[in-house]
mmCIF file of all heavy atoms, coordinates in Angstrom:
data_MODEL
# 
_entry.id   MODEL 
# 
loop_
_atom_site.group_PDB 
_atom_site.id 
_atom_site.type_symbol 
_atom_site.label_atom_id 
_atom_site.label_alt_id 
_atom_site.label_comp_id 
_atom_site.label_asym_id 
_atom_site.label_entity_id 
_atom_site.label_seq_id 
_atom_site.pdbx_PDB_ins_code 
_atom_site.Cartn_x 
_atom_site.Cartn_y 
_atom_site.Cartn_z 
_atom_site.occupancy 
_atom_site.B_iso_or_equiv 
_atom_site.pdbx_formal_charge 
_atom_site.auth_seq_id 
_atom_site.auth_comp_id 
_atom_site.auth_asym_id 
_atom_site.auth_atom_id 
_atom_site.pdbx_PDB_model_num 
ATOM 1   N N   . VAL A 1 1  ? 27.286 -45.893 -43.291 1.00 0.00 ? 1  VAL A N   1 
ATOM 2   C CA  . VAL A 1 1  ? 28.497 -45.093 -43.101 1.00 0.00 ? 1  VAL A CA  1 
ATOM 3   C C   . VAL A 1 1  ? 28.355 -44.249 -41.868 1.00 0.00 ? 1  VAL A C   1 
ATOM 4   O O   . VAL A 1 1  ? 27.339 -43.529 -41.655 1.00 0.00 ? 1  VAL A O   1 
ATOM 5   C CB  . VAL A 1 1  ? 28.785 -44.184 -44.296 1.00 0.00 ? 1  VAL A CB  1 
ATOM 6   C CG1 . VAL A 1 1  ? 30.023 -43.330 -44.047 1.00 0.00 ? 1  VAL A CG1 1 
ATOM 7   C CG2 . VAL A 1 1  ? 28.936 -45.003 -45.577 1.00 0.00 ? 1  VAL A CG2 1 
ATOM 8   N N   . PHE A 1 2  ? 29.315 -44.329 -40.921 1.00 0.00 ? 2  PHE A N   1 
ATOM 9   C CA  . PHE A 1 2  ? 29.344 -43.534 -39.702 1.00 0.00 ? 2  PHE A CA  1 
ATOM 10  C C   . PHE A 1 2  ? 30.620 -42.771 -39.659 1.00 0.00 ? 2  PHE A C   1 
ATOM 11  O O   . PHE A 1 2  ? 31.646 -43.163 -40.194 1.00 0.00 ? 2  PHE A O   1 
ATOM 12  C CB  . PHE A 1 2  ? 29.250 -44.488 -38.470 1.00 0.00 ? 2  PHE A CB  1 
ATOM 13  C CG  . PHE A 1 2  ? 28.105 -45.397 -38.497 1.00 0.00 ? 2  PHE A CG  1 
ATOM 14  C CD1 . PHE A 1 2  ? 28.187 -46.658 -39.037 1.00 0.00 ? 2  PHE A CD1 1 
ATOM 15  C CD2 . PHE A 1 2  ? 26.869 -44.990 -38.007 1.00 0.00 ? 2  PHE A CD2 1 
ATOM 16  C CE1 . PHE A 1 2  ? 27.087 -47.495 -39.057 1.00 0.00 ? 2  PHE A CE1 1 
ATOM 17  C CE2 . PHE A 1 2  ? 25.773 -45.814 -38.022 1.00 0.00 ? 2  PHE A CE2 1 
ATOM 18  C CZ  . PHE A 1 2  ? 25.852 -47.066 -38.568 1.00 0.00 ? 2  PHE A CZ  1 
ATOM 19  N N   . GLY A 1 3  ? 30.576 -41.567 -39.031 1.00 0.00 ? 3  GLY A N   1 
ATOM 20  C CA  . GLY A 1 3  ? 31.797 -40.787 -39.020 1.00 0.00 ? 3  GLY A CA  1 
ATOM 21  C C   . GLY A 1 3  ? 31.655 -39.551 -38.065 1.00 0.00 ? 3  GLY A C   1 
ATOM 22  O O   . GLY A 1 3  ? 30.668 -39.396 -37.390 1.00 0.00 ? 3  GLY A O   1 
ATOM 23  N N   . VAL A 1 4  ? 32.741 -38.779 -38.058 1.00 0.00 ? 4  VAL A N   1 
ATOM 24  C CA  . VAL A 1 4  ? 32.761 -37.586 -37.283 1.00 0.00 ? 4  VAL A CA  1 
ATOM 25  C C   . VAL A 1 4  ? 33.432 -36.467 -38.162 1.00 0.00 ? 4  VAL A C   1 
ATOM 26  O O   . VAL A 1 4  ? 34.297 -36.830 -38.967 1.00 0.00 ? 4  VAL A O   1 
ATOM 27  C CB  . VAL A 1 4  ? 33.549 -37.770 -35.991 1.00 0.00 ? 4  VAL A CB  1 
ATOM 28  C CG1 . VAL A 1 4  ? 35.023 -38.149 -36.247 1.00 0.00 ? 4  VAL A CG1 1 
ATOM 29  C CG2 . VAL A 1 4  ? 33.487 -36.547 -35.082 1.00 0.00 ? 4  VAL A CG2 1 
ATOM 30  N N   . GLU A 1 5  ? 32.925 -35.220 -37.958 1.00 0.00 ? 5  GLU A N   1 
ATOM 31  C CA  . GLU A 1 5  ? 33.435 -34.169 -38.792 1.00 0.00 ? 5  GLU A CA  1 
ATOM 32  C C   . GLU A 1 5  ? 33.516 -32.890 -37.972 1.00 0.00 ? 5  GLU A C   1 
ATOM 33  O O   . GLU A 1 5  ? 32.615 -32.618 -37.152 1.00 0.00 ? 5  GLU A O   1 
ATOM 34  C CB  . GLU A 1 5  ? 32.517 -33.917 -40.051 1.00 0.00 ? 5  GLU A CB  1 
ATOM 35  C CG  . GLU A 1 5  ? 33.016 -32.806 -40.980 1.00 0.00 ? 5  GLU A CG  1 
ATOM 36  C CD  . GLU A 1 5  ? 32.175 -32.719 -42.208 1.00 0.00 ? 5  GLU A CD  1 
ATOM 37  O OE1 . GLU A 1 5  ? 32.297 -33.605 -43.135 1.00 0.00 ? 5  GLU A OE1 1 
ATOM 38  O OE2 . GLU A 1 5  ? 31.351 -31.742 -42.309 1.00 0.00 ? 5  GLU A OE2 1 
ATOM 39  N N   . GLY A 1 6  ? 34.485 -32.069 -38.231 1.00 0.00 ? 6  GLY A N   1 
ATOM 40  C CA  . GLY A 1 6  ? 34.662 -30.747 -37.617 1.00 0.00 ? 6  GLY A CA  1 
ATOM 41  C C   . GLY A 1 6  ? 34.855 -29.765 -38.704 1.00 0.00 ? 6  GLY A C   1 
ATOM 42  O O   . GLY A 1 6  ? 35.462 -30.028 -39.737 1.00 0.00 ? 6  GLY A O   1 
ATOM 43  N N   . ASP A 1 7  ? 34.379 -28.546 -38.490 1.00 0.00 ? 7  ASP A N   1 
ATOM 44  C CA  . ASP A 1 7  ? 34.520 -27.468 -39.457 1.00 0.00 ? 7  ASP A CA  1 
ATOM 45  C C   . ASP A 1 7  ? 34.711 -26.125 -38.804 1.00 0.00 ? 7  ASP A C   1 
ATOM 46  O O   . ASP A 1 7  ? 34.386 -25.925 -37.689 1.00 0.00 ? 7  ASP A O   1 
ATOM 47  C CB  . ASP A 1 7  ? 33.433 -27.441 -40.510 1.00 0.00 ? 7  ASP A CB  1 
ATOM 48  C CG  . ASP A 1 7  ? 32.010 -27.227 -39.913 1.00 0.00 ? 7  ASP A CG  1 
ATOM 49  O OD1 . ASP A 1 7  ? 31.983 -26.766 -38.757 1.00 0.00 ? 7  ASP A OD1 1 
ATOM 50  O OD2 . ASP A 1 7  ? 31.025 -27.564 -40.587 1.00 0.00 ? 7  ASP A OD2 1 
ATOM 51  N N   . LEU A 1 8  ? 35.172 -25.159 -39.566 1.00 0.00 ? 8  LEU A N   1 
ATOM 52  C CA  . LEU A 1 8  ? 35.246 -23.763 -39.154 1.00 0.00 ? 8  LEU A CA  1 
ATOM 53  C C   . LEU A 1 8  ? 34.946 -22.856 -40.361 1.00 0.00 ? 8  LEU A C   1 
ATOM 54  O O   . LEU A 1 8  ? 35.551 -23.034 -41.437 1.00 0.00 ? 8  LEU A O   1 
ATOM 55  C CB  . LEU A 1 8  ? 36.742 -23.484 -38.669 1.00 0.00 ? 8  LEU A CB  1 
ATOM 56  C CG  . LEU A 1 8  ? 37.011 -22.054 -38.212 1.00 0.00 ? 8  LEU A CG  1 
ATOM 57  C CD1 . LEU A 1 8  ? 36.240 -21.721 -36.972 1.00 0.00 ? 8  LEU A CD1 1 
ATOM 58  C CD2 . LEU A 1 8  ? 38.546 -21.868 -38.016 1.00 0.00 ? 8  LEU A CD2 1 
ATOM 59  N N   . ASP A 1 9  ? 33.991 -21.957 -40.159 1.00 0.00 ? 9  ASP A N   1 
ATOM 60  C CA  . ASP A 1 9  ? 33.531 -21.087 -41.232 1.00 0.00 ? 9  ASP A CA  1 
ATOM 61  C C   . ASP A 1 9  ? 33.474 -19.600 -40.813 1.00 0.00 ? 9  ASP A C   1 
ATOM 62  O O   . ASP A 1 9  ? 32.986 -19.292 -39.729 1.00 0.00 ? 9  ASP A O   1 
ATOM 63  C CB  . ASP A 1 9  ? 32.098 -21.533 -41.652 1.00 0.00 ? 9  ASP A CB  1 
ATOM 64  C CG  . ASP A 1 9  ? 32.150 -22.907 -42.350 1.00 0.00 ? 9  ASP A CG  1 
ATOM 65  O OD1 . ASP A 1 9  ? 32.404 -22.934 -43.531 1.00 0.00 ? 9  ASP A OD1 1 
ATOM 66  O OD2 . ASP A 1 9  ? 31.844 -23.902 -41.672 1.00 0.00 ? 9  ASP A OD2 1 
ATOM 67  N N   . ALA A 1 10 ? 33.986 -18.782 -41.643 1.00 0.00 ? 10 ALA A N   1 
ATOM 68  C CA  . ALA A 1 10 ? 33.859 -17.301 -41.473 1.00 0.00 ? 10 ALA A CA  1 
ATOM 69  C C   . ALA A 1 10 ? 32.585 -16.834 -42.081 1.00 0.00 ? 10 ALA A C   1 
ATOM 70  O O   . ALA A 1 10 ? 32.103 -17.398 -43.049 1.00 0.00 ? 10 ALA A O   1 
ATOM 71  C CB  . ALA A 1 10 ? 35.058 -16.588 -42.101 1.00 0.00 ? 10 ALA A CB  1 
ATOM 72  N N   . GLN A 1 11 ? 32.018 -15.747 -41.496 1.00 0.00 ? 11 GLN A N   1 
ATOM 73  C CA  . GLN A 1 11 ? 30.756 -15.188 -41.962 1.00 0.00 ? 11 GLN A CA  1 
ATOM 74  C C   . GLN A 1 11 ? 31.041 -13.812 -42.528 1.00 0.00 ? 11 GLN A C   1 
ATOM 75  O O   . GLN A 1 11 ? 31.624 -12.984 -41.867 1.00 0.00 ? 11 GLN A O   1 
ATOM 76  C CB  . GLN A 1 11 ? 29.725 -15.162 -40.853 1.00 0.00 ? 11 GLN A CB  1 
ATOM 77  C CG  . GLN A 1 11 ? 29.318 -16.520 -40.364 1.00 0.00 ? 11 GLN A CG  1 
ATOM 78  C CD  . GLN A 1 11 ? 28.455 -16.523 -39.141 1.00 0.00 ? 11 GLN A CD  1 
ATOM 79  O OE1 . GLN A 1 11 ? 28.894 -16.170 -38.051 1.00 0.00 ? 11 GLN A OE1 1 
ATOM 80  N NE2 . GLN A 1 11 ? 27.215 -16.898 -39.268 1.00 0.00 ? 11 GLN A NE2 1 
ATOM 81  N N   . GLY A 1 12 ? 30.606 -13.614 -43.785 1.00 0.00 ? 12 GLY A N   1 
ATOM 82  C CA  . GLY A 1 12 ? 31.007 -12.431 -44.504 1.00 0.00 ? 12 GLY A CA  1 
ATOM 83  C C   . GLY A 1 12 ? 29.969 -11.334 -44.644 1.00 0.00 ? 12 GLY A C   1 
ATOM 84  O O   . GLY A 1 12 ? 29.936 -10.613 -45.646 1.00 0.00 ? 12 GLY A O   1 
ATOM 85  N N   . HIS A 1 13 ? 29.074 -11.167 -43.660 1.00 0.00 ? 13 HIS A N   1 
ATOM 86  C CA  . HIS A 1 13 ? 28.079 -10.102 -43.753 1.00 0.00 ? 13 HIS A CA  1 
ATOM 87  C C   . HIS A 1 13 ? 28.202 -9.122  -42.550 1.00 0.00 ? 13 HIS A C   1 
ATOM 88  O O   . HIS A 1 13 ? 28.760 -9.465  -41.537 1.00 0.00 ? 13 HIS A O   1 
ATOM 89  C CB  . HIS A 1 13 ? 26.649 -10.666 -43.852 1.00 0.00 ? 13 HIS A CB  1 
ATOM 90  C CG  . HIS A 1 13 ? 26.435 -11.863 -43.057 1.00 0.00 ? 13 HIS A CG  1 
ATOM 91  N ND1 . HIS A 1 13 ? 26.258 -11.852 -41.720 1.00 0.00 ? 13 HIS A ND1 1 
ATOM 92  C CD2 . HIS A 1 13 ? 26.337 -13.169 -43.438 1.00 0.00 ? 13 HIS A CD2 1 
ATOM 93  C CE1 . HIS A 1 13 ? 26.032 -13.093 -41.291 1.00 0.00 ? 13 HIS A CE1 1 
ATOM 94  N NE2 . HIS A 1 13 ? 26.116 -13.921 -42.283 1.00 0.00 ? 13 HIS A NE2 1 
ATOM 95  N N   . GLU A 1 14 ? 27.668 -7.948  -42.753 1.00 0.00 ? 14 GLU A N   1 
ATOM 96  C CA  . GLU A 1 14 ? 27.720 -6.887  -41.738 1.00 0.00 ? 14 GLU A CA  1 
ATOM 97  C C   . GLU A 1 14 ? 26.739 -7.157  -40.601 1.00 0.00 ? 14 GLU A C   1 
ATOM 98  O O   . GLU A 1 14 ? 25.855 -8.005  -40.706 1.00 0.00 ? 14 GLU A O   1 
ATOM 99  C CB  . GLU A 1 14 ? 27.505 -5.547  -42.382 1.00 0.00 ? 14 GLU A CB  1 
ATOM 100 C CG  . GLU A 1 14 ? 28.536 -5.143  -43.402 1.00 0.00 ? 14 GLU A CG  1 
ATOM 101 C CD  . GLU A 1 14 ? 29.962 -5.123  -42.866 1.00 0.00 ? 14 GLU A CD  1 
ATOM 102 O OE1 . GLU A 1 14 ? 30.114 -4.638  -41.675 1.00 0.00 ? 14 GLU A OE1 1 
ATOM 103 O OE2 . GLU A 1 14 ? 30.907 -5.527  -43.551 1.00 0.00 ? 14 GLU A OE2 1 
ATOM 104 N N   . HIS A 1 15 ? 26.786 -6.293  -39.588 1.00 0.00 ? 15 HIS A N   1 
ATOM 105 C CA  . HIS A 1 15 ? 25.870 -6.442  -38.470 1.00 0.00 ? 15 HIS A CA  1 
ATOM 106 C C   . HIS A 1 15 ? 24.450 -6.154  -38.931 1.00 0.00 ? 15 HIS A C   1 
ATOM 107 O O   . HIS A 1 15 ? 24.192 -5.448  -39.954 1.00 0.00 ? 15 HIS A O   1 
ATOM 108 C CB  . HIS A 1 15 ? 26.258 -5.539  -37.314 1.00 0.00 ? 15 HIS A CB  1 
ATOM 109 C CG  . HIS A 1 15 ? 26.127 -4.063  -37.608 1.00 0.00 ? 15 HIS A CG  1 
ATOM 110 N ND1 . HIS A 1 15 ? 27.188 -3.207  -37.706 1.00 0.00 ? 15 HIS A ND1 1 
ATOM 111 C CD2 . HIS A 1 15 ? 25.016 -3.268  -37.752 1.00 0.00 ? 15 HIS A CD2 1 
ATOM 112 C CE1 . HIS A 1 15 ? 26.772 -1.999  -38.001 1.00 0.00 ? 15 HIS A CE1 1 
ATOM 113 N NE2 . HIS A 1 15 ? 25.475 -1.996  -38.011 1.00 0.00 ? 15 HIS A NE2 1 
ATOM 114 N N   . TYR A 1 16 ? 23.475 -6.688  -38.203 1.00 0.00 ? 16 TYR A N   1 
ATOM 115 C CA  . TYR A 1 16 ? 22.041 -6.395  -38.474 1.00 0.00 ? 16 TYR A CA  1 
ATOM 116 C C   . TYR A 1 16 ? 21.421 -5.886  -37.179 1.00 0.00 ? 16 TYR A C   1 
ATOM 117 O O   . TYR A 1 16 ? 21.976 -6.091  -36.121 1.00 0.00 ? 16 TYR A O   1 
ATOM 118 C CB  . TYR A 1 16 ? 21.349 -7.643  -39.039 1.00 0.00 ? 16 TYR A CB  1 
ATOM 119 C CG  . TYR A 1 16 ? 21.420 -8.908  -38.229 1.00 0.00 ? 16 TYR A CG  1 
ATOM 120 C CD1 . TYR A 1 16 ? 20.393 -9.253  -37.341 1.00 0.00 ? 16 TYR A CD1 1 
ATOM 121 C CD2 . TYR A 1 16 ? 22.536 -9.711  -38.252 1.00 0.00 ? 16 TYR A CD2 1 
ATOM 122 C CE1 . TYR A 1 16 ? 20.461 -10.378 -36.557 1.00 0.00 ? 16 TYR A CE1 1 
ATOM 123 C CE2 . TYR A 1 16 ? 22.612 -10.886 -37.448 1.00 0.00 ? 16 TYR A CE2 1 
ATOM 124 C CZ  . TYR A 1 16 ? 21.583 -11.198 -36.664 1.00 0.00 ? 16 TYR A CZ  1 
ATOM 125 O OH  . TYR A 1 16 ? 21.604 -12.341 -35.889 1.00 0.00 ? 16 TYR A OH  1 
ATOM 126 N N   . HIS A 1 17 ? 20.259 -5.237  -37.307 1.00 0.00 ? 17 HIS A N   1 
ATOM 127 C CA  . HIS A 1 17 ? 19.753 -4.541  -36.126 1.00 0.00 ? 17 HIS A CA  1 
ATOM 128 C C   . HIS A 1 17 ? 18.266 -4.317  -36.230 1.00 0.00 ? 17 HIS A C   1 
ATOM 129 O O   . HIS A 1 17 ? 17.614 -4.543  -37.251 1.00 0.00 ? 17 HIS A O   1 
ATOM 130 C CB  . HIS A 1 17 ? 20.405 -3.131  -36.009 1.00 0.00 ? 17 HIS A CB  1 
ATOM 131 C CG  . HIS A 1 17 ? 20.187 -2.293  -37.214 1.00 0.00 ? 17 HIS A CG  1 
ATOM 132 N ND1 . HIS A 1 17 ? 20.952 -2.314  -38.340 1.00 0.00 ? 17 HIS A ND1 1 
ATOM 133 C CD2 . HIS A 1 17 ? 19.223 -1.373  -37.497 1.00 0.00 ? 17 HIS A CD2 1 
ATOM 134 C CE1 . HIS A 1 17 ? 20.519 -1.467  -39.197 1.00 0.00 ? 17 HIS A CE1 1 
ATOM 135 N NE2 . HIS A 1 17 ? 19.456 -0.876  -38.715 1.00 0.00 ? 17 HIS A NE2 1 
ATOM 136 N N   . GLN A 1 18 ? 17.740 -3.868  -35.083 1.00 0.00 ? 18 GLN A N   1 
ATOM 137 C CA  . GLN A 1 18 ? 16.314 -3.477  -34.971 1.00 0.00 ? 18 GLN A CA  1 
ATOM 138 C C   . GLN A 1 18 ? 16.200 -2.436  -33.839 1.00 0.00 ? 18 GLN A C   1 
ATOM 139 O O   . GLN A 1 18 ? 16.907 -2.481  -32.832 1.00 0.00 ? 18 GLN A O   1 
ATOM 140 C CB  . GLN A 1 18 ? 15.391 -4.647  -34.689 1.00 0.00 ? 18 GLN A CB  1 
ATOM 141 C CG  . GLN A 1 18 ? 13.926 -4.377  -34.843 1.00 0.00 ? 18 GLN A CG  1 
ATOM 142 C CD  . GLN A 1 18 ? 13.056 -5.623  -34.621 1.00 0.00 ? 18 GLN A CD  1 
ATOM 143 O OE1 . GLN A 1 18 ? 13.359 -6.492  -33.859 1.00 0.00 ? 18 GLN A OE1 1 
ATOM 144 N NE2 . GLN A 1 18 ? 12.040 -5.713  -35.458 1.00 0.00 ? 18 GLN A NE2 1 
ATOM 145 N N   . PHE A 1 19 ? 15.246 -1.507  -33.993 1.00 0.00 ? 19 PHE A N   1 
ATOM 146 C CA  . PHE A 1 19 ? 14.978 -0.459  -33.019 1.00 0.00 ? 19 PHE A CA  1 
ATOM 147 C C   . PHE A 1 19 ? 13.585 -0.520  -32.472 1.00 0.00 ? 19 PHE A C   1 
ATOM 148 O O   . PHE A 1 19 ? 12.647 -0.908  -33.213 1.00 0.00 ? 19 PHE A O   1 
ATOM 149 C CB  . PHE A 1 19 ? 15.236 0.937   -33.633 1.00 0.00 ? 19 PHE A CB  1 
ATOM 150 C CG  . PHE A 1 19 ? 16.664 1.292   -33.870 1.00 0.00 ? 19 PHE A CG  1 
ATOM 151 C CD1 . PHE A 1 19 ? 17.296 0.878   -35.037 1.00 0.00 ? 19 PHE A CD1 1 
ATOM 152 C CD2 . PHE A 1 19 ? 17.435 1.990   -32.987 1.00 0.00 ? 19 PHE A CD2 1 
ATOM 153 C CE1 . PHE A 1 19 ? 18.592 1.158   -35.301 1.00 0.00 ? 19 PHE A CE1 1 
ATOM 154 C CE2 . PHE A 1 19 ? 18.731 2.325   -33.236 1.00 0.00 ? 19 PHE A CE2 1 
ATOM 155 C CZ  . PHE A 1 19 ? 19.311 1.890   -34.417 1.00 0.00 ? 19 PHE A CZ  1 
ATOM 156 N N   . SER A 1 20 ? 13.418 -0.091  -31.213 1.00 0.00 ? 20 SER A N   1 
ATOM 157 C CA  . SER A 1 20 ? 12.025 0.072   -30.649 1.00 0.00 ? 20 SER A CA  1 
ATOM 158 C C   . SER A 1 20 ? 12.051 1.357   -29.849 1.00 0.00 ? 20 SER A C   1 
ATOM 159 O O   . SER A 1 20 ? 13.063 1.724   -29.273 1.00 0.00 ? 20 SER A O   1 
ATOM 160 C CB  . SER A 1 20 ? 11.695 -1.107  -29.816 1.00 0.00 ? 20 SER A CB  1 
ATOM 161 O OG  . SER A 1 20 ? 12.613 -1.349  -28.774 1.00 0.00 ? 20 SER A OG  1 
ATOM 162 N N   . THR A 1 21 ? 10.905 2.024   -29.798 1.00 0.00 ? 21 THR A N   1 
ATOM 163 C CA  . THR A 1 21 ? 10.814 3.354   -29.064 1.00 0.00 ? 21 THR A CA  1 
ATOM 164 C C   . THR A 1 21 ? 9.687  3.240   -28.024 1.00 0.00 ? 21 THR A C   1 
ATOM 165 O O   . THR A 1 21 ? 8.593  2.685   -28.270 1.00 0.00 ? 21 THR A O   1 
ATOM 166 C CB  . THR A 1 21 ? 10.512 4.447   -30.053 1.00 0.00 ? 21 THR A CB  1 
ATOM 167 O OG1 . THR A 1 21 ? 11.592 4.526   -31.012 1.00 0.00 ? 21 THR A OG1 1 
ATOM 168 C CG2 . THR A 1 21 ? 10.428 5.822   -29.333 1.00 0.00 ? 21 THR A CG2 1 
ATOM 169 N N   . TYR A 1 22 ? 9.931  3.882   -26.871 1.00 0.00 ? 22 TYR A N   1 
ATOM 170 C CA  . TYR A 1 22 ? 8.995  3.796   -25.737 1.00 0.00 ? 22 TYR A CA  1 
ATOM 171 C C   . TYR A 1 22 ? 8.723  5.264   -25.220 1.00 0.00 ? 22 TYR A C   1 
ATOM 172 O O   . TYR A 1 22 ? 9.640  6.089   -25.218 1.00 0.00 ? 22 TYR A O   1 
ATOM 173 C CB  . TYR A 1 22 ? 9.582  2.953   -24.630 1.00 0.00 ? 22 TYR A CB  1 
ATOM 174 C CG  . TYR A 1 22 ? 10.016 1.594   -25.078 1.00 0.00 ? 22 TYR A CG  1 
ATOM 175 C CD1 . TYR A 1 22 ? 11.299 1.380   -25.578 1.00 0.00 ? 22 TYR A CD1 1 
ATOM 176 C CD2 . TYR A 1 22 ? 9.143  0.532   -25.040 1.00 0.00 ? 22 TYR A CD2 1 
ATOM 177 C CE1 . TYR A 1 22 ? 11.664 0.127   -26.034 1.00 0.00 ? 22 TYR A CE1 1 
ATOM 178 C CE2 . TYR A 1 22 ? 9.496  -0.674  -25.479 1.00 0.00 ? 22 TYR A CE2 1 
ATOM 179 C CZ  . TYR A 1 22 ? 10.742 -0.921  -26.024 1.00 0.00 ? 22 TYR A CZ  1 
ATOM 180 O OH  . TYR A 1 22 ? 11.123 -2.137  -26.447 1.00 0.00 ? 22 TYR A OH  1 
ATOM 181 N N   . ALA A 1 23 ? 7.498  5.472   -24.794 1.00 0.00 ? 23 ALA A N   1 
ATOM 182 C CA  . ALA A 1 23 ? 7.084  6.737   -24.255 1.00 0.00 ? 23 ALA A CA  1 
ATOM 183 C C   . ALA A 1 23 ? 7.112  6.724   -22.697 1.00 0.00 ? 23 ALA A C   1 
ATOM 184 O O   . ALA A 1 23 ? 6.550  5.764   -22.119 1.00 0.00 ? 23 ALA A O   1 
ATOM 185 C CB  . ALA A 1 23 ? 5.694  7.129   -24.734 1.00 0.00 ? 23 ALA A CB  1 
ATOM 186 N N   . LEU A 1 24 ? 7.804  7.650   -22.093 1.00 0.00 ? 24 LEU A N   1 
ATOM 187 C CA  . LEU A 1 24 ? 7.879  7.747   -20.636 1.00 0.00 ? 24 LEU A CA  1 
ATOM 188 C C   . LEU A 1 24 ? 6.958  8.816   -20.167 1.00 0.00 ? 24 LEU A C   1 
ATOM 189 O O   . LEU A 1 24 ? 6.735  9.849   -20.860 1.00 0.00 ? 24 LEU A O   1 
ATOM 190 C CB  . LEU A 1 24 ? 9.260  8.071   -20.209 1.00 0.00 ? 24 LEU A CB  1 
ATOM 191 C CG  . LEU A 1 24 ? 10.383 7.076   -20.672 1.00 0.00 ? 24 LEU A CG  1 
ATOM 192 C CD1 . LEU A 1 24 ? 11.719 7.455   -20.046 1.00 0.00 ? 24 LEU A CD1 1 
ATOM 193 C CD2 . LEU A 1 24 ? 10.032 5.643   -20.310 1.00 0.00 ? 24 LEU A CD2 1 
ATOM 194 N N   . PRO A 1 25 ? 6.298  8.655   -19.020 1.00 0.00 ? 25 PRO A N   1 
ATOM 195 C CA  . PRO A 1 25 ? 5.311  9.660   -18.535 1.00 0.00 ? 25 PRO A CA  1 
ATOM 196 C C   . PRO A 1 25 ? 5.999  10.962  -18.070 1.00 0.00 ? 25 PRO A C   1 
ATOM 197 O O   . PRO A 1 25 ? 7.181  11.066  -17.917 1.00 0.00 ? 25 PRO A O   1 
ATOM 198 C CB  . PRO A 1 25 ? 4.685  8.934   -17.339 1.00 0.00 ? 25 PRO A CB  1 
ATOM 199 C CG  . PRO A 1 25 ? 5.707  7.983   -16.886 1.00 0.00 ? 25 PRO A CG  1 
ATOM 200 C CD  . PRO A 1 25 ? 6.448  7.518   -18.097 1.00 0.00 ? 25 PRO A CD  1 
ATOM 201 N N   . ALA A 1 26 ? 5.118  12.006  -17.986 1.00 0.00 ? 26 ALA A N   1 
ATOM 202 C CA  . ALA A 1 26 ? 5.619  13.307  -17.519 1.00 0.00 ? 26 ALA A CA  1 
ATOM 203 C C   . ALA A 1 26 ? 6.119  13.281  -16.124 1.00 0.00 ? 26 ALA A C   1 
ATOM 204 O O   . ALA A 1 26 ? 5.694  12.407  -15.326 1.00 0.00 ? 26 ALA A O   1 
ATOM 205 C CB  . ALA A 1 26 ? 4.415  14.307  -17.680 1.00 0.00 ? 26 ALA A CB  1 
ATOM 206 N N   . THR A 1 27 ? 7.040  14.186  -15.862 1.00 0.00 ? 27 THR A N   1 
ATOM 207 C CA  . THR A 1 27 ? 7.565  14.323  -14.475 1.00 0.00 ? 27 THR A CA  1 
ATOM 208 C C   . THR A 1 27 ? 7.495  15.793  -14.095 1.00 0.00 ? 27 THR A C   1 
ATOM 209 O O   . THR A 1 27 ? 6.954  16.624  -14.833 1.00 0.00 ? 27 THR A O   1 
ATOM 210 C CB  . THR A 1 27 ? 9.015  13.907  -14.400 1.00 0.00 ? 27 THR A CB  1 
ATOM 211 O OG1 . THR A 1 27 ? 9.847  14.845  -15.106 1.00 0.00 ? 27 THR A OG1 1 
ATOM 212 C CG2 . THR A 1 27 ? 9.239  12.534  -15.019 1.00 0.00 ? 27 THR A CG2 1 
# 
């Protein structure tokens, strides 16, 4: 069996994230 298919899906979850922190030298 051979064929072609197209679809459209909504995503029902909130944003996701990550943080990183950096130290800057004295001035």
